[in-house]
Amino acid sequence: MRDSWKAAYRYGNIGLELFLSIVVGFLLGRWVDRHFLHGHGWGTAVGTLVGVYTGFRSLWKMAKQAEREAAAEEERERREADLKTKRDAYRREVEGGPKPKGDL
């Protein structure tokens, strides 16, 4: 249960992270414009583009991480199901209980 809350927190904040990356890039670009480029707007444009790139790169990395975690979870569940099937077959064999239909 605790891991699911961690994942919800981590992936739930990606929108905020994307927004803040863009805003910080914009504000830093604006600051560069005012102090070094005398208000021409190039710093703001470049800063905004850098913020957009940073935000979407972060989004991409989170998506890849979520994909890896989902694949690992599926693999773990598949192994557990295989192990349970083997245990059940062994118990039926040892106990001499009824065999499932379809076994000849």
N, C-alpha and C. Protein backbone atom coordinates (compact mmCIF):
# COMPACT_ATOMS: atom_id res chain seq x y z
N MET A 1 0.83 -1.19 0.00
CA MET A 1 0.00 0.00 0.00
C MET A 1 0.87 1.25 0.00
N ARG A 2 1.96 1.21 0.76
CA ARG A 2 2.83 2.36 0.85
C ARG A 2 3.48 2.68 -0.50
N ASP A 3 3.86 1.64 -1.25
CA ASP A 3 4.47 1.85 -2.55
C ASP A 3 3.50 2.50 -3.53
N SER A 4 2.23 2.14 -3.44
CA SER A 4 1.26 2.74 -4.36
C SER A 4 1.09 4.23 -4.07
N TRP A 5 1.17 4.63 -2.81
CA TRP A 5 1.09 6.05 -2.48
C TRP A 5 2.32 6.80 -2.98
N LYS A 6 3.48 6.16 -2.88
CA LYS A 6 4.70 6.78 -3.39
C LYS A 6 4.59 6.99 -4.90
N ALA A 7 4.11 5.97 -5.59
CA ALA A 7 3.96 6.08 -7.04
C ALA A 7 2.94 7.15 -7.41
N ALA A 8 1.85 7.21 -6.68
CA ALA A 8 0.83 8.23 -6.96
C ALA A 8 1.39 9.63 -6.74
N TYR A 9 2.18 9.79 -5.71
CA TYR A 9 2.79 11.10 -5.44
C TYR A 9 3.79 11.45 -6.54
N ARG A 10 4.62 10.47 -6.90
CA ARG A 10 5.66 10.71 -7.89
C ARG A 10 5.06 11.04 -9.25
N TYR A 11 4.09 10.26 -9.70
CA TYR A 11 3.53 10.48 -11.03
C TYR A 11 2.43 11.53 -11.03
N GLY A 12 1.87 11.82 -9.88
CA GLY A 12 0.84 12.84 -9.80
C GLY A 12 1.39 14.25 -9.91
N ASN A 13 2.66 14.43 -9.62
CA ASN A 13 3.28 15.75 -9.65
C ASN A 13 3.93 16.09 -10.98
N ILE A 14 3.81 15.22 -11.97
CA ILE A 14 4.49 15.48 -13.24
C ILE A 14 3.93 16.71 -13.94
N GLY A 15 2.63 16.96 -13.82
CA GLY A 15 2.05 18.15 -14.43
C GLY A 15 2.59 19.43 -13.80
N LEU A 16 2.72 19.40 -12.49
CA LEU A 16 3.29 20.55 -11.79
C LEU A 16 4.74 20.76 -12.19
N GLU A 17 5.48 19.68 -12.32
CA GLU A 17 6.88 19.77 -12.72
C GLU A 17 7.01 20.35 -14.13
N LEU A 18 6.15 19.92 -15.03
CA LEU A 18 6.16 20.44 -16.39
C LEU A 18 5.85 21.94 -16.40
N PHE A 19 4.83 22.32 -15.67
CA PHE A 19 4.44 23.74 -15.59
C PHE A 19 5.56 24.59 -15.00
N LEU A 20 6.14 24.13 -13.90
CA LEU A 20 7.20 24.91 -13.25
C LEU A 20 8.44 25.00 -14.11
N SER A 21 8.76 23.98 -14.86
CA SER A 21 9.92 24.05 -15.75
C SER A 21 9.73 25.15 -16.79
N ILE A 22 8.55 25.21 -17.35
CA ILE A 22 8.28 26.23 -18.37
C ILE A 22 8.30 27.63 -17.76
N VAL A 23 7.67 27.78 -16.60
CA VAL A 23 7.62 29.10 -15.95
C VAL A 23 9.01 29.56 -15.54
N VAL A 24 9.81 28.68 -14.96
CA VAL A 24 11.16 29.06 -14.54
C VAL A 24 12.00 29.43 -15.75
N GLY A 25 11.90 28.66 -16.84
CA GLY A 25 12.63 29.01 -18.06
C GLY A 25 12.22 30.36 -18.60
N PHE A 26 10.93 30.63 -18.60
CA PHE A 26 10.42 31.92 -19.07
C PHE A 26 10.96 33.06 -18.20
N LEU A 27 10.87 32.89 -16.88
CA LEU A 27 11.31 33.97 -15.97
C LEU A 27 12.81 34.20 -16.05
N LEU A 28 13.59 33.13 -16.15
CA LEU A 28 15.04 33.32 -16.30
C LEU A 28 15.37 34.00 -17.62
N GLY A 29 14.67 33.62 -18.68
CA GLY A 29 14.89 34.28 -19.97
C GLY A 29 14.53 35.74 -19.93
N ARG A 30 13.48 36.05 -19.22
CA ARG A 30 13.08 37.45 -19.09
C ARG A 30 14.09 38.26 -18.30
N TRP A 31 14.64 37.63 -17.27
CA TRP A 31 15.66 38.30 -16.46
C TRP A 31 16.90 38.57 -17.32
N VAL A 32 17.30 37.59 -18.13
CA VAL A 32 18.44 37.78 -19.04
C VAL A 32 18.14 38.92 -20.02
N ASP A 33 16.93 38.97 -20.53
CA ASP A 33 16.55 40.06 -21.44
C ASP A 33 16.72 41.42 -20.78
N ARG A 34 16.21 41.55 -19.59
CA ARG A 34 16.24 42.85 -18.91
C ARG A 34 17.65 43.29 -18.55
N HIS A 35 18.49 42.36 -18.13
CA HIS A 35 19.80 42.74 -17.62
C HIS A 35 20.91 42.73 -18.67
N PHE A 36 20.78 41.93 -19.70
CA PHE A 36 21.89 41.81 -20.66
C PHE A 36 21.51 42.13 -22.10
N LEU A 37 20.29 41.85 -22.49
CA LEU A 37 19.91 42.03 -23.90
C LEU A 37 19.02 43.25 -24.12
N HIS A 38 18.80 44.04 -23.11
CA HIS A 38 18.06 45.31 -23.19
C HIS A 38 16.64 45.13 -23.75
N GLY A 39 15.99 44.04 -23.36
CA GLY A 39 14.58 43.85 -23.67
C GLY A 39 14.25 43.46 -25.09
N HIS A 40 15.13 42.81 -25.80
CA HIS A 40 14.86 42.41 -27.18
C HIS A 40 13.96 41.18 -27.29
N GLY A 41 13.85 40.39 -26.27
CA GLY A 41 12.96 39.25 -26.29
C GLY A 41 13.61 37.92 -26.61
N TRP A 42 14.86 37.94 -27.03
CA TRP A 42 15.54 36.68 -27.37
C TRP A 42 15.77 35.82 -26.14
N GLY A 43 16.12 36.42 -25.05
CA GLY A 43 16.34 35.67 -23.81
C GLY A 43 15.06 34.99 -23.34
N THR A 44 13.95 35.72 -23.45
CA THR A 44 12.66 35.15 -23.05
C THR A 44 12.30 33.97 -23.94
N ALA A 45 12.50 34.11 -25.23
CA ALA A 45 12.17 33.02 -26.16
C ALA A 45 13.04 31.80 -25.90
N VAL A 46 14.34 32.02 -25.76
CA VAL A 46 15.25 30.91 -25.52
C VAL A 46 14.97 30.27 -24.16
N GLY A 47 14.75 31.09 -23.15
CA GLY A 47 14.45 30.56 -21.82
C GLY A 47 13.18 29.73 -21.80
N THR A 48 12.16 30.19 -22.51
CA THR A 48 10.91 29.45 -22.59
C THR A 48 11.12 28.12 -23.30
N LEU A 49 11.85 28.14 -24.40
CA LEU A 49 12.12 26.89 -25.12
C LEU A 49 12.93 25.91 -24.27
N VAL A 50 13.89 26.41 -23.54
CA VAL A 50 14.66 25.55 -22.65
C VAL A 50 13.76 24.97 -21.56
N GLY A 51 12.87 25.78 -21.02
CA GLY A 51 11.92 25.30 -20.02
C GLY A 51 10.99 24.23 -20.56
N VAL A 52 10.49 24.44 -21.79
CA VAL A 52 9.62 23.45 -22.42
C VAL A 52 10.39 22.15 -22.65
N TYR A 53 11.61 22.26 -23.16
CA TYR A 53 12.43 21.07 -23.39
C TYR A 53 12.68 20.32 -22.08
N THR A 54 13.05 21.05 -21.04
CA THR A 54 13.33 20.43 -19.75
C THR A 54 12.09 19.75 -19.19
N GLY A 55 10.96 20.40 -19.27
CA GLY A 55 9.72 19.82 -18.75
C GLY A 55 9.31 18.56 -19.48
N PHE A 56 9.37 18.59 -20.82
CA PHE A 56 8.98 17.41 -21.58
C PHE A 56 10.00 16.29 -21.47
N ARG A 57 11.26 16.65 -21.29
CA ARG A 57 12.28 15.61 -21.06
C ARG A 57 12.00 14.90 -19.75
N SER A 58 11.65 15.65 -18.75
CA SER A 58 11.29 15.07 -17.46
C SER A 58 10.06 14.17 -17.59
N LEU A 59 9.08 14.64 -18.34
CA LEU A 59 7.87 13.85 -18.59
C LEU A 59 8.22 12.53 -19.29
N TRP A 60 9.10 12.58 -20.28
CA TRP A 60 9.53 11.40 -21.02
C TRP A 60 10.23 10.40 -20.09
N LYS A 61 11.13 10.92 -19.23
CA LYS A 61 11.85 10.04 -18.31
C LYS A 61 10.90 9.38 -17.32
N MET A 62 9.92 10.10 -16.84
CA MET A 62 8.94 9.52 -15.91
C MET A 62 8.11 8.45 -16.61
N ALA A 63 7.74 8.69 -17.86
CA ALA A 63 6.96 7.70 -18.60
C ALA A 63 7.76 6.43 -18.80
N LYS A 64 9.04 6.56 -19.14
CA LYS A 64 9.89 5.38 -19.31
C LYS A 64 10.06 4.63 -17.99
N GLN A 65 10.21 5.37 -16.91
CA GLN A 65 10.34 4.73 -15.59
C GLN A 65 9.05 3.99 -15.23
N ALA A 66 7.92 4.58 -15.50
CA ALA A 66 6.64 3.93 -15.21
C ALA A 66 6.49 2.67 -16.06
N GLU A 67 6.93 2.74 -17.31
CA GLU A 67 6.87 1.58 -18.19
C GLU A 67 7.74 0.44 -17.65
N ARG A 68 8.95 0.76 -17.21
CA ARG A 68 9.84 -0.27 -16.64
C ARG A 68 9.25 -0.88 -15.37
N GLU A 69 8.67 -0.04 -14.53
CA GLU A 69 8.07 -0.54 -13.29
C GLU A 69 6.87 -1.43 -13.59
N ALA A 70 6.07 -1.07 -14.57
CA ALA A 70 4.91 -1.89 -14.93
C ALA A 70 5.36 -3.24 -15.49
N ALA A 71 6.40 -3.24 -16.31
CA ALA A 71 6.91 -4.50 -16.87
C ALA A 71 7.47 -5.39 -15.76
N ALA A 72 8.16 -4.80 -14.81
CA ALA A 72 8.71 -5.58 -13.69
C ALA A 72 7.58 -6.16 -12.84
N GLU A 73 6.53 -5.39 -12.64
CA GLU A 73 5.37 -5.87 -11.86
C GLU A 73 4.67 -7.02 -12.58
N GLU A 74 4.51 -6.90 -13.89
CA GLU A 74 3.88 -7.98 -14.66
C GLU A 74 4.72 -9.25 -14.61
N GLU A 75 6.03 -9.10 -14.71
CA GLU A 75 6.92 -10.26 -14.65
C GLU A 75 6.83 -10.93 -13.28
N ARG A 76 6.80 -10.13 -12.23
CA ARG A 76 6.70 -10.69 -10.88
C ARG A 76 5.37 -11.42 -10.69
N GLU A 77 4.28 -10.85 -11.18
CA GLU A 77 2.98 -11.50 -11.09
C GLU A 77 2.94 -12.80 -11.89
N ARG A 78 3.57 -12.80 -13.07
CA ARG A 78 3.60 -14.00 -13.89
C ARG A 78 4.37 -15.11 -13.19
N ARG A 79 5.50 -14.76 -12.59
CA ARG A 79 6.29 -15.76 -11.86
C ARG A 79 5.51 -16.31 -10.67
N GLU A 80 4.81 -15.44 -9.95
CA GLU A 80 4.01 -15.90 -8.81
C GLU A 80 2.90 -16.84 -9.27
N ALA A 81 2.26 -16.54 -10.40
CA ALA A 81 1.20 -17.39 -10.91
C ALA A 81 1.77 -18.75 -11.35
N ASP A 82 2.94 -18.74 -11.99
CA ASP A 82 3.58 -20.00 -12.38
C ASP A 82 3.93 -20.84 -11.16
N LEU A 83 4.46 -20.19 -10.14
CA LEU A 83 4.82 -20.90 -8.92
C LEU A 83 3.59 -21.49 -8.25
N LYS A 84 2.51 -20.74 -8.21
CA LYS A 84 1.27 -21.25 -7.61
C LYS A 84 0.74 -22.45 -8.38
N THR A 85 0.80 -22.38 -9.69
CA THR A 85 0.35 -23.51 -10.52
C THR A 85 1.19 -24.74 -10.24
N LYS A 86 2.49 -24.57 -10.14
CA LYS A 86 3.37 -25.71 -9.84
C LYS A 86 3.10 -26.28 -8.46
N ARG A 87 2.88 -25.41 -7.49
CA ARG A 87 2.58 -25.88 -6.13
C ARG A 87 1.29 -26.69 -6.11
N ASP A 88 0.26 -26.17 -6.78
CA ASP A 88 -1.02 -26.87 -6.82
C ASP A 88 -0.88 -28.24 -7.49
N ALA A 89 -0.13 -28.30 -8.58
CA ALA A 89 0.07 -29.57 -9.28
C ALA A 89 0.82 -30.55 -8.37
N TYR A 90 1.81 -30.06 -7.66
CA TYR A 90 2.57 -30.92 -6.75
C TYR A 90 1.69 -31.44 -5.62
N ARG A 91 0.87 -30.57 -5.05
CA ARG A 91 -0.04 -30.99 -3.97
C ARG A 91 -1.01 -32.06 -4.46
N ARG A 92 -1.56 -31.87 -5.65
CA ARG A 92 -2.48 -32.87 -6.19
C ARG A 92 -1.76 -34.21 -6.39
N GLU A 93 -0.52 -34.13 -6.84
CA GLU A 93 0.24 -35.35 -7.07
C GLU A 93 0.57 -36.06 -5.76
N VAL A 94 0.99 -35.31 -4.75
CA VAL A 94 1.37 -35.90 -3.47
C VAL A 94 0.16 -36.39 -2.71
N GLU A 95 -0.89 -35.63 -2.70
CA GLU A 95 -2.08 -36.01 -1.94
C GLU A 95 -2.94 -37.03 -2.68
N GLY A 96 -2.70 -37.20 -3.94
CA GLY A 96 -3.47 -38.15 -4.71
C GLY A 96 -4.91 -37.72 -4.88
N GLY A 97 -5.14 -36.44 -4.81
CA GLY A 97 -6.49 -35.92 -4.92
C GLY A 97 -6.99 -35.97 -6.34
N PRO A 98 -8.16 -35.44 -6.55
CA PRO A 98 -8.75 -35.49 -7.90
C PRO A 98 -7.91 -34.69 -8.88
N LYS A 99 -7.78 -35.25 -10.04
CA LYS A 99 -7.04 -34.57 -11.08
C LYS A 99 -7.98 -33.62 -11.81
N PRO A 100 -7.47 -32.49 -12.24
CA PRO A 100 -8.34 -31.56 -12.95
C PRO A 100 -8.81 -32.15 -14.27
N LYS A 101 -9.97 -31.73 -14.70
CA LYS A 101 -10.52 -32.21 -15.97
C LYS A 101 -9.57 -31.82 -17.09
N GLY A 102 -9.48 -32.68 -18.05
CA GLY A 102 -8.60 -32.43 -19.17
C GLY A 102 -7.32 -33.22 -19.06
N ASP A 103 -6.91 -33.67 -17.85
CA ASP A 103 -5.74 -34.52 -17.71
C ASP A 103 -6.13 -35.94 -18.03
N LEU A 104 -5.40 -36.58 -18.86
CA LEU A 104 -5.72 -37.96 -19.24
C LEU A 104 -4.79 -38.93 -18.58
